[in-house]
Amino acid sequence: MAIKPEMPGAALAMFARLSRHSAGTALTIALLVAAWFVGSLFLPEYLFPGLGQTAHKLGIILSQPATYAAIVVTLQRILGGFVLSSLFGVALGIVLAMNRPANALAMPALKIVAGVPALTWVLLSIIWFKSTETRVWFITFVLAFPIVATNTYDGVRSVPADLYQMVQALRPSQFALLKLLVIPSAMPFIFSGLRISLSFGGRIAVFAEALSASSGIGAQMYTMDQMFDTAGIIVWTILLVLLLTTLDMLLSFVERHWFRWRVEATH
């Protein structure tokens, strides 16, 4: 089996990109920690706890089994709302981009939904739904799907007209047109919308938990707030950031795998 001579170069280039990215991340974290340390020297601990106090609180929280239960609950809510908003948003964006009557009817409604403040949906969900899970899923869904739908719409609309004409010359079915041209061409926009909605939806889910749930990361942060435990709030925030960063990395991996042909085509 022949070995492609360009593969070592590709591997070295990928390693160099990862090294630069890791170095930049490490430098950013170091600067944030340094700023945190300096700030803690000039502010009272109850307002801005130091690194030692926060690390001690982190150890206490991580030693409690309830912590991992709260993380799992929040993860389920984030993923549930994300999957629903993604499926509906992609489907709606495609329909709006390819069907003029649907666009004329639904696009104004989509803009109105996207313009409603998050707090309004939270308060309405508390009135409308008895189940905590339904509240959080609804809030995450209604605030995230317009992002996915708008990006999908822009992606489908960006497909060049000459490509449409070339594919339609083959007389494909509507499903074949979507499979062969529309969806592949719109995928960069779709992935962009998915990453934005995942990050935004995750933060909204925790916000909803803080106001309308008794479990999850948001509920834990609200409890710390009631106890004036600033270190606890910071620790739970760090855990949330780590969770969302992990989910974003997984989605980035899927995106790179989907577009691996671009990397291969450049070598």
C-alpha atoms as a PDB file:
ATOM      1  CA  MET A   1       0.000   0.000   0.000  1.00  0.00           C
ATOM      2  CA  ALA A   2       1.547   3.280  -1.098  1.00  0.00           C
ATOM      3  CA  ILE A   3       2.084   6.046   1.409  1.00  0.00           C
ATOM      4  CA  LYS A   4       1.228   9.525   0.304  1.00  0.00           C
ATOM      5  CA  PRO A   5       4.289  11.746   0.631  1.00  0.00           C
ATOM      6  CA  GLU A   6       2.245  14.749   1.608  1.00  0.00           C
ATOM      7  CA  MET A   7       0.753  13.181   4.742  1.00  0.00           C
ATOM      8  CA  PRO A   8       3.725  13.963   7.085  1.00  0.00           C
ATOM      9  CA  GLY A   9       3.555  17.580   6.026  1.00  0.00           C
ATOM     10  CA  ALA A  10      -0.175  17.669   6.670  1.00  0.00           C
ATOM     11  CA  ALA A  11       0.325  16.106  10.098  1.00  0.00           C
ATOM     12  CA  LEU A  12       3.036  18.620  10.976  1.00  0.00           C
ATOM     13  CA  ALA A  13       0.844  21.514   9.845  1.00  0.00           C
ATOM     14  CA  MET A  14      -2.061  20.239  11.955  1.00  0.00           C
ATOM     15  CA  PHE A  15       0.256  19.808  14.952  1.00  0.00           C
ATOM     16  CA  ALA A  16       1.545  23.353  14.501  1.00  0.00           C
ATOM     17  CA  ARG A  17      -2.008  24.752  14.404  1.00  0.00           C
ATOM     18  CA  LEU A  18      -2.962  22.817  17.536  1.00  0.00           C
ATOM     19  CA  SER A  19       0.190  24.015  19.308  1.00  0.00           C
ATOM     20  CA  ARG A  20      -0.516  27.649  18.465  1.00  0.00           C
ATOM     21  CA  HIS A  21      -4.120  27.282  19.611  1.00  0.00           C
ATOM     22  CA  SER A  22      -3.077  25.588  22.875  1.00  0.00           C
ATOM     23  CA  ALA A  23      -0.446  28.246  23.550  1.00  0.00           C
ATOM     24  CA  GLY A  24      -2.988  31.011  22.999  1.00  0.00           C
ATOM     25  CA  THR A  25      -5.486  29.316  25.304  1.00  0.00           C
ATOM     26  CA  ALA A  26      -2.866  28.832  28.017  1.00  0.00           C
ATOM     27  CA  LEU A  27      -1.789  32.474  27.768  1.00  0.00           C
ATOM     28  CA  THR A  28      -5.390  33.678  28.047  1.00  0.00           C
ATOM     29  CA  ILE A  29      -6.020  31.537  31.129  1.00  0.00           C
ATOM     30  CA  ALA A  30      -2.770  32.735  32.711  1.00  0.00           C
ATOM     31  CA  LEU A  31      -3.739  36.384  32.179  1.00  0.00           C
ATOM     32  CA  LEU A  32      -7.200  35.794  33.647  1.00  0.00           C
ATOM     33  CA  VAL A  33      -5.731  34.069  36.709  1.00  0.00           C
ATOM     34  CA  ALA A  34      -3.226  36.893  37.161  1.00  0.00           C
ATOM     35  CA  ALA A  35      -5.983  39.507  36.926  1.00  0.00           C
ATOM     36  CA  TRP A  36      -8.043  37.473  39.393  1.00  0.00           C
ATOM     37  CA  PHE A  37      -5.142  37.355  41.843  1.00  0.00           C
ATOM     38  CA  VAL A  38      -4.495  41.091  41.600  1.00  0.00           C
ATOM     39  CA  GLY A  39      -8.189  41.898  41.988  1.00  0.00           C
ATOM     40  CA  SER A  40      -8.485  39.743  45.106  1.00  0.00           C
ATOM     41  CA  LEU A  41      -5.711  41.776  46.768  1.00  0.00           C
ATOM     42  CA  PHE A  42      -7.748  44.985  46.677  1.00  0.00           C
ATOM     43  CA  LEU A  43     -11.306  43.746  47.226  1.00  0.00           C
ATOM     44  CA  PRO A  44     -12.927  42.063  50.241  1.00  0.00           C
ATOM     45  CA  GLU A  45     -13.217  38.274  50.086  1.00  0.00           C
ATOM     46  CA  TYR A  46     -17.012  38.289  50.275  1.00  0.00           C
ATOM     47  CA  LEU A  47     -17.085  40.377  47.090  1.00  0.00           C
ATOM     48  CA  PHE A  48     -14.133  38.871  45.227  1.00  0.00           C
ATOM     49  CA  PRO A  49     -12.747  35.685  46.788  1.00  0.00           C
ATOM     50  CA  GLY A  50      -9.116  34.826  46.219  1.00  0.00           C
ATOM     51  CA  LEU A  51      -7.726  31.849  44.370  1.00  0.00           C
ATOM     52  CA  GLY A  52      -7.147  29.884  47.575  1.00  0.00           C
ATOM     53  CA  GLN A  53     -10.672  30.344  48.861  1.00  0.00           C
ATOM     54  CA  THR A  54     -12.162  29.500  45.462  1.00  0.00           C
ATOM     55  CA  ALA A  55      -9.978  26.393  45.127  1.00  0.00           C
ATOM     56  CA  HIS A  56     -11.083  25.276  48.593  1.00  0.00           C
ATOM     57  CA  LYS A  57     -14.725  25.773  47.628  1.00  0.00           C
ATOM     58  CA  LEU A  58     -14.122  23.869  44.385  1.00  0.00           C
ATOM     59  CA  GLY A  59     -12.808  20.905  46.364  1.00  0.00           C
ATOM     60  CA  ILE A  60     -15.860  20.927  48.631  1.00  0.00           C
ATOM     61  CA  ILE A  61     -18.304  21.081  45.725  1.00  0.00           C
ATOM     62  CA  LEU A  62     -16.522  18.368  43.735  1.00  0.00           C
ATOM     63  CA  SER A  63     -16.561  16.062  46.763  1.00  0.00           C
ATOM     64  CA  GLN A  64     -20.366  16.088  46.870  1.00  0.00           C
ATOM     65  CA  PRO A  65     -22.267  13.490  44.763  1.00  0.00           C
ATOM     66  CA  ALA A  66     -25.085  16.016  44.299  1.00  0.00           C
ATOM     67  CA  THR A  67     -22.723  18.108  42.184  1.00  0.00           C
ATOM     68  CA  TYR A  68     -22.469  15.488  39.453  1.00  0.00           C
ATOM     69  CA  ALA A  69     -26.205  14.875  39.579  1.00  0.00           C
ATOM     70  CA  ALA A  70     -26.775  18.593  38.982  1.00  0.00           C
ATOM     71  CA  ILE A  71     -24.332  18.611  36.056  1.00  0.00           C
ATOM     72  CA  VAL A  72     -26.055  15.602  34.462  1.00  0.00           C
ATOM     73  CA  VAL A  73     -29.481  17.210  34.852  1.00  0.00           C
ATOM     74  CA  THR A  74     -28.308  20.436  33.220  1.00  0.00           C
ATOM     75  CA  LEU A  75     -26.554  18.491  30.452  1.00  0.00           C
ATOM     76  CA  GLN A  76     -29.753  16.606  29.651  1.00  0.00           C
ATOM     77  CA  ARG A  77     -31.718  19.834  29.485  1.00  0.00           C
ATOM     78  CA  ILE A  78     -29.161  21.566  27.280  1.00  0.00           C
ATOM     79  CA  LEU A  79     -28.911  18.649  24.859  1.00  0.00           C
ATOM     80  CA  GLY A  80     -32.681  18.147  24.766  1.00  0.00           C
ATOM     81  CA  GLY A  81     -33.382  21.769  23.913  1.00  0.00           C
ATOM     82  CA  PHE A  82     -30.452  21.867  21.483  1.00  0.00           C
ATOM     83  CA  VAL A  83     -31.581  18.814  19.522  1.00  0.00           C
ATOM     84  CA  LEU A  84     -35.178  20.042  19.247  1.00  0.00           C
ATOM     85  CA  SER A  85     -34.175  23.582  18.254  1.00  0.00           C
ATOM     86  CA  SER A  86     -31.616  22.268  15.741  1.00  0.00           C
ATOM     87  CA  LEU A  87     -34.003  19.921  13.951  1.00  0.00           C
ATOM     88  CA  PHE A  88     -36.826  22.444  13.831  1.00  0.00           C
ATOM     89  CA  GLY A  89     -34.540  25.373  12.995  1.00  0.00           C
ATOM     90  CA  VAL A  90     -32.818  23.626  10.081  1.00  0.00           C
ATOM     91  CA  ALA A  91     -36.130  22.408   8.638  1.00  0.00           C
ATOM     92  CA  LEU A  92     -37.736  25.839   9.015  1.00  0.00           C
ATOM     93  CA  GLY A  93     -34.757  27.633   7.469  1.00  0.00           C
ATOM     94  CA  ILE A  94     -34.818  25.364   4.416  1.00  0.00           C
ATOM     95  CA  VAL A  95     -38.567  25.816   3.945  1.00  0.00           C
ATOM     96  CA  LEU A  96     -38.349  29.609   4.273  1.00  0.00           C
ATOM     97  CA  ALA A  97     -35.493  29.795   1.759  1.00  0.00           C
ATOM     98  CA  MET A  98     -37.104  27.556  -0.867  1.00  0.00           C
ATOM     99  CA  ASN A  99     -40.782  28.458  -0.554  1.00  0.00           C
ATOM    100  CA  ARG A 100     -41.805  32.055  -1.156  1.00  0.00           C
ATOM    101  CA  PRO A 101     -45.337  31.816   0.284  1.00  0.00           C
ATOM    102  CA  ALA A 102     -43.964  30.230   3.451  1.00  0.00           C
ATOM    103  CA  ASN A 103     -41.304  32.930   3.636  1.00  0.00           C
ATOM    104  CA  ALA A 104     -43.866  35.704   3.325  1.00  0.00           C
ATOM    105  CA  LEU A 105     -46.009  34.132   6.042  1.00  0.00           C
ATOM    106  CA  ALA A 106     -43.498  32.828   8.571  1.00  0.00           C
ATOM    107  CA  MET A 107     -40.470  35.123   8.327  1.00  0.00           C
ATOM    108  CA  PRO A 108     -42.186  38.044  10.133  1.00  0.00           C
ATOM    109  CA  ALA A 109     -43.277  35.658  12.887  1.00  0.00           C
ATOM    110  CA  LEU A 110     -39.720  34.314  13.178  1.00  0.00           C
ATOM    111  CA  LYS A 111     -38.362  37.843  13.593  1.00  0.00           C
ATOM    112  CA  ILE A 112     -40.949  38.594  16.269  1.00  0.00           C
ATOM    113  CA  VAL A 113     -40.099  35.422  18.209  1.00  0.00           C
ATOM    114  CA  ALA A 114     -36.390  36.223  17.959  1.00  0.00           C
ATOM    115  CA  GLY A 115     -37.006  39.739  19.275  1.00  0.00           C
ATOM    116  CA  VAL A 116     -38.865  38.713  22.434  1.00  0.00           C
ATOM    117  CA  PRO A 117     -36.586  39.051  25.517  1.00  0.00           C
ATOM    118  CA  ALA A 118     -35.435  35.880  27.254  1.00  0.00           C
ATOM    119  CA  LEU A 119     -36.934  37.019  30.545  1.00  0.00           C
ATOM    120  CA  THR A 120     -40.374  37.221  28.944  1.00  0.00           C
ATOM    121  CA  TRP A 121     -40.214  33.592  27.823  1.00  0.00           C
ATOM    122  CA  VAL A 122     -38.987  32.529  31.274  1.00  0.00           C
ATOM    123  CA  LEU A 123     -41.853  34.246  33.052  1.00  0.00           C
ATOM    124  CA  LEU A 124     -44.430  32.957  30.565  1.00  0.00           C
ATOM    125  CA  SER A 125     -43.103  29.405  30.836  1.00  0.00           C
ATOM    126  CA  ILE A 126     -43.544  29.523  34.615  1.00  0.00           C
ATOM    127  CA  ILE A 127     -47.210  30.446  34.086  1.00  0.00           C
ATOM    128  CA  TRP A 128     -47.855  28.103  31.174  1.00  0.00           C
ATOM    129  CA  PHE A 129     -46.117  24.892  32.273  1.00  0.00           C
ATOM    130  CA  LYS A 130     -46.216  22.996  35.533  1.00  0.00           C
ATOM    131  CA  SER A 131     -43.284  20.677  34.755  1.00  0.00           C
ATOM    132  CA  THR A 132     -39.819  22.078  35.369  1.00  0.00           C
ATOM    133  CA  GLU A 133     -38.366  20.037  32.514  1.00  0.00           C
ATOM    134  CA  THR A 134     -40.959  21.366  30.098  1.00  0.00           C
ATOM    135  CA  ARG A 135     -40.189  24.929  31.165  1.00  0.00           C
ATOM    136  CA  VAL A 136     -36.449  24.645  30.608  1.00  0.00           C
ATOM    137  CA  TRP A 137     -36.782  22.743  27.337  1.00  0.00           C
ATOM    138  CA  PHE A 138     -39.340  25.242  26.043  1.00  0.00           C
ATOM    139  CA  ILE A 139     -37.193  28.254  26.958  1.00  0.00           C
ATOM    140  CA  THR A 140     -34.082  26.741  25.384  1.00  0.00           C
ATOM    141  CA  PHE A 141     -36.003  25.753  22.266  1.00  0.00           C
ATOM    142  CA  VAL A 142     -37.822  29.022  21.662  1.00  0.00           C
ATOM    143  CA  LEU A 143     -34.660  31.103  22.106  1.00  0.00           C
ATOM    144  CA  ALA A 144     -32.291  28.844  20.150  1.00  0.00           C
ATOM    145  CA  PHE A 145     -34.251  27.742  17.092  1.00  0.00           C
ATOM    146  CA  PRO A 146     -34.449  31.251  15.508  1.00  0.00           C
ATOM    147  CA  ILE A 147     -30.628  31.321  15.451  1.00  0.00           C
ATOM    148  CA  VAL A 148     -30.430  27.987  13.632  1.00  0.00           C
ATOM    149  CA  ALA A 149     -33.301  28.862  11.294  1.00  0.00           C
ATOM    150  CA  THR A 150     -31.794  32.221  10.325  1.00  0.00           C
ATOM    151  CA  ASN A 151     -28.360  30.769   9.642  1.00  0.00           C
ATOM    152  CA  THR A 152     -29.840  27.902   7.641  1.00  0.00           C
ATOM    153  CA  TYR A 153     -31.936  30.355   5.639  1.00  0.00           C
ATOM    154  CA  ASP A 154     -28.860  32.443   4.830  1.00  0.00           C
ATOM    155  CA  GLY A 155     -26.934  29.303   3.871  1.00  0.00           C
ATOM    156  CA  VAL A 156     -29.580  28.058   1.451  1.00  0.00           C
ATOM    157  CA  ARG A 157     -29.987  31.517  -0.052  1.00  0.00           C
ATOM    158  CA  SER A 158     -26.221  31.732  -0.611  1.00  0.00           C
ATOM    159  CA  VAL A 159     -26.174  28.759  -3.018  1.00  0.00           C
ATOM    160  CA  PRO A 160     -25.177  30.174  -6.443  1.00  0.00           C
ATOM    161  CA  ALA A 161     -27.907  30.213  -9.065  1.00  0.00           C
ATOM    162  CA  ASP A 162     -25.685  28.512 -11.653  1.00  0.00           C
ATOM    163  CA  LEU A 163     -25.314  25.491  -9.374  1.00  0.00           C
ATOM    164  CA  TYR A 164     -29.082  25.290  -9.081  1.00  0.00           C
ATOM    165  CA  GLN A 165     -29.361  25.326 -12.861  1.00  0.00           C
ATOM    166  CA  MET A 166     -26.685  22.646 -13.295  1.00  0.00           C
ATOM    167  CA  VAL A 167     -28.320  20.271 -10.820  1.00  0.00           C
ATOM    168  CA  GLN A 168     -31.861  20.946 -12.037  1.00  0.00           C
ATOM    169  CA  ALA A 169     -30.741  20.025 -15.559  1.00  0.00           C
ATOM    170  CA  LEU A 170     -30.545  16.464 -14.246  1.00  0.00           C
ATOM    171  CA  ARG A 171     -34.231  16.679 -13.229  1.00  0.00           C
ATOM    172  CA  PRO A 172     -33.703  15.596  -9.616  1.00  0.00           C
ATOM    173  CA  SER A 173     -36.525  15.087  -7.165  1.00  0.00           C
ATOM    174  CA  GLN A 174     -36.976  17.635  -4.392  1.00  0.00           C
ATOM    175  CA  PHE A 175     -35.350  15.241  -1.915  1.00  0.00           C
ATOM    176  CA  ALA A 176     -32.391  14.657  -4.250  1.00  0.00           C
ATOM    177  CA  LEU A 177     -31.965  18.411  -4.736  1.00  0.00           C
ATOM    178  CA  LEU A 178     -31.796  18.898  -0.984  1.00  0.00           C
ATOM    179  CA  LYS A 179     -29.404  15.983  -0.515  1.00  0.00           C
ATOM    180  CA  LEU A 180     -27.048  16.747  -3.391  1.00  0.00           C
ATOM    181  CA  LEU A 181     -26.941  20.546  -3.401  1.00  0.00           C
ATOM    182  CA  VAL A 182     -28.904  22.546  -0.868  1.00  0.00           C
ATOM    183  CA  ILE A 183     -27.907  20.950   2.431  1.00  0.00           C
ATOM    184  CA  PRO A 184     -24.210  20.366   1.581  1.00  0.00           C
ATOM    185  CA  SER A 185     -23.852  23.952   0.355  1.00  0.00           C
ATOM    186  CA  ALA A 186     -25.559  25.371   3.437  1.00  0.00           C
ATOM    187  CA  MET A 187     -23.658  23.256   5.975  1.00  0.00           C
ATOM    188  CA  PRO A 188     -21.057  25.946   6.868  1.00  0.00           C
ATOM    189  CA  PHE A 189     -23.904  28.300   7.799  1.00  0.00           C
ATOM    190  CA  ILE A 190     -25.785  25.526   9.590  1.00  0.00           C
ATOM    191  CA  PHE A 191     -22.789  24.555  11.717  1.00  0.00           C
ATOM    192  CA  SER A 192     -22.220  28.200  12.575  1.00  0.00           C
ATOM    193  CA  GLY A 193     -25.815  28.469  13.756  1.00  0.00           C
ATOM    194  CA  LEU A 194     -25.559  25.233  15.717  1.00  0.00           C
ATOM    195  CA  ARG A 195     -22.459  26.381  17.601  1.00  0.00           C
ATOM    196  CA  ILE A 196     -23.998  29.735  18.443  1.00  0.00           C
ATOM    197  CA  SER A 197     -27.295  28.184  19.530  1.00  0.00           C
ATOM    198  CA  LEU A 198     -25.503  25.570  21.656  1.00  0.00           C
ATOM    199  CA  SER A 199     -23.573  28.205  23.585  1.00  0.00           C
ATOM    200  CA  PHE A 200     -26.527  30.570  23.877  1.00  0.00           C
ATOM    201  CA  GLY A 201     -28.994  27.797  24.652  1.00  0.00           C
ATOM    202  CA  GLY A 202     -26.757  26.407  27.386  1.00  0.00           C
ATOM    203  CA  ARG A 203     -26.568  29.734  29.166  1.00  0.00           C
ATOM    204  CA  ILE A 204     -30.296  30.276  28.760  1.00  0.00           C
ATOM    205  CA  ALA A 205     -31.028  26.820  30.186  1.00  0.00           C
ATOM    206  CA  VAL A 206     -29.023  27.639  33.319  1.00  0.00           C
ATOM    207  CA  PHE A 207     -30.772  31.013  33.586  1.00  0.00           C
ATOM    208  CA  ALA A 208     -34.120  29.224  33.388  1.00  0.00           C
ATOM    209  CA  GLU A 209     -33.015  26.736  36.043  1.00  0.00           C
ATOM    210  CA  ALA A 210     -32.096  29.561  38.392  1.00  0.00           C
ATOM    211  CA  LEU A 211     -35.572  31.088  38.126  1.00  0.00           C
ATOM    212  CA  SER A 212     -37.864  28.100  37.717  1.00  0.00           C
ATOM    213  CA  ALA A 213     -36.125  24.872  38.771  1.00  0.00           C
ATOM    214  CA  SER A 214     -34.947  23.220  41.964  1.00  0.00           C
ATOM    215  CA  SER A 215     -32.201  21.136  40.349  1.00  0.00           C
ATOM    216  CA  GLY A 216     -29.317  21.667  37.972  1.00  0.00           C
ATOM    217  CA  ILE A 217     -26.403  24.078  37.805  1.00  0.00           C
ATOM    218  CA  GLY A 218     -28.645  27.143  37.649  1.00  0.00           C
ATOM    219  CA  ALA A 219     -30.508  26.107  40.798  1.00  0.00           C
ATOM    220  CA  GLN A 220     -27.200  25.544  42.581  1.00  0.00           C
ATOM    221  CA  MET A 221     -25.989  29.002  41.554  1.00  0.00           C
ATOM    222  CA  TYR A 222     -29.221  30.527  42.826  1.00  0.00           C
ATOM    223  CA  THR A 223     -28.739  28.740  46.164  1.00  0.00           C
ATOM    224  CA  MET A 224     -25.210  30.129  46.442  1.00  0.00           C
ATOM    225  CA  ASP A 225     -26.552  33.582  45.687  1.00  0.00           C
ATOM    226  CA  GLN A 226     -29.112  33.295  48.479  1.00  0.00           C
ATOM    227  CA  MET A 227     -26.268  32.374  50.843  1.00  0.00           C
ATOM    228  CA  PHE A 228     -24.082  35.274  49.603  1.00  0.00           C
ATOM    229  CA  ASP A 229     -21.454  32.672  48.684  1.00  0.00           C
ATOM    230  CA  THR A 230     -19.476  34.398  45.936  1.00  0.00           C
ATOM    231  CA  ALA A 231     -16.877  31.631  45.764  1.00  0.00           C
ATOM    232  CA  GLY A 232     -19.641  29.079  45.226  1.00  0.00           C
ATOM    233  CA  ILE A 233     -21.114  31.118  42.379  1.00  0.00           C
ATOM    234  CA  ILE A 234     -17.702  31.340  40.738  1.00  0.00           C
ATOM    235  CA  VAL A 235     -17.083  27.598  41.107  1.00  0.00           C
ATOM    236  CA  TRP A 236     -20.419  26.674  39.541  1.00  0.00           C
ATOM    237  CA  THR A 237     -19.733  29.180  36.764  1.00  0.00           C
ATOM    238  CA  ILE A 238     -16.398  27.488  36.079  1.00  0.00           C
ATOM    239  CA  LEU A 239     -18.118  24.108  35.929  1.00  0.00           C
ATOM    240  CA  LEU A 240     -20.703  25.495  33.507  1.00  0.00           C
ATOM    241  CA  VAL A 241     -18.009  26.996  31.274  1.00  0.00           C
ATOM    242  CA  LEU A 242     -16.144  23.683  31.230  1.00  0.00           C
ATOM    243  CA  LEU A 243     -19.346  21.846  30.317  1.00  0.00           C
ATOM    244  CA  LEU A 244     -20.220  24.224  27.474  1.00  0.00           C
ATOM    245  CA  THR A 245     -16.619  24.243  26.233  1.00  0.00           C
ATOM    246  CA  THR A 246     -16.621  20.447  26.110  1.00  0.00           C
ATOM    247  CA  LEU A 247     -19.868  20.414  24.130  1.00  0.00           C
ATOM    248  CA  ASP A 248     -18.497  23.029  21.741  1.00  0.00           C
ATOM    249  CA  MET A 249     -15.330  20.979  21.228  1.00  0.00           C
ATOM    250  CA  LEU A 250     -17.415  17.909  20.406  1.00  0.00           C
ATOM    251  CA  LEU A 251     -19.467  19.893  17.900  1.00  0.00           C
ATOM    252  CA  SER A 252     -16.257  21.326  16.423  1.00  0.00           C
ATOM    253  CA  PHE A 253     -14.942  17.784  16.012  1.00  0.00           C
ATOM    254  CA  VAL A 254     -18.096  16.796  14.124  1.00  0.00           C
ATOM    255  CA  GLU A 255     -17.741  19.897  11.948  1.00  0.00           C
ATOM    256  CA  ARG A 256     -14.089  19.145  11.128  1.00  0.00           C
ATOM    257  CA  HIS A 257     -15.008  15.551  10.292  1.00  0.00           C
ATOM    258  CA  TRP A 258     -17.812  16.730   8.023  1.00  0.00           C
ATOM    259  CA  PHE A 259     -15.500  19.130   6.185  1.00  0.00           C
ATOM    260  CA  ARG A 260     -12.412  16.903   6.203  1.00  0.00           C
ATOM    261  CA  TRP A 261     -12.513  16.937   2.408  1.00  0.00           C
ATOM    262  CA  ARG A 262     -11.521  20.596   2.510  1.00  0.00           C
ATOM    263  CA  VAL A 263      -8.307  19.738   4.337  1.00  0.00           C
ATOM    264  CA  GLU A 264      -7.601  16.880   1.935  1.00  0.00           C
ATOM    265  CA  ALA A 265      -8.246  19.111  -1.065  1.00  0.00           C
ATOM    266  CA  THR A 266      -5.656  21.650   0.054  1.00  0.00           C
ATOM    267  CA  HIS A 267      -2.829  19.097   0.125  1.00  0.00           C
END
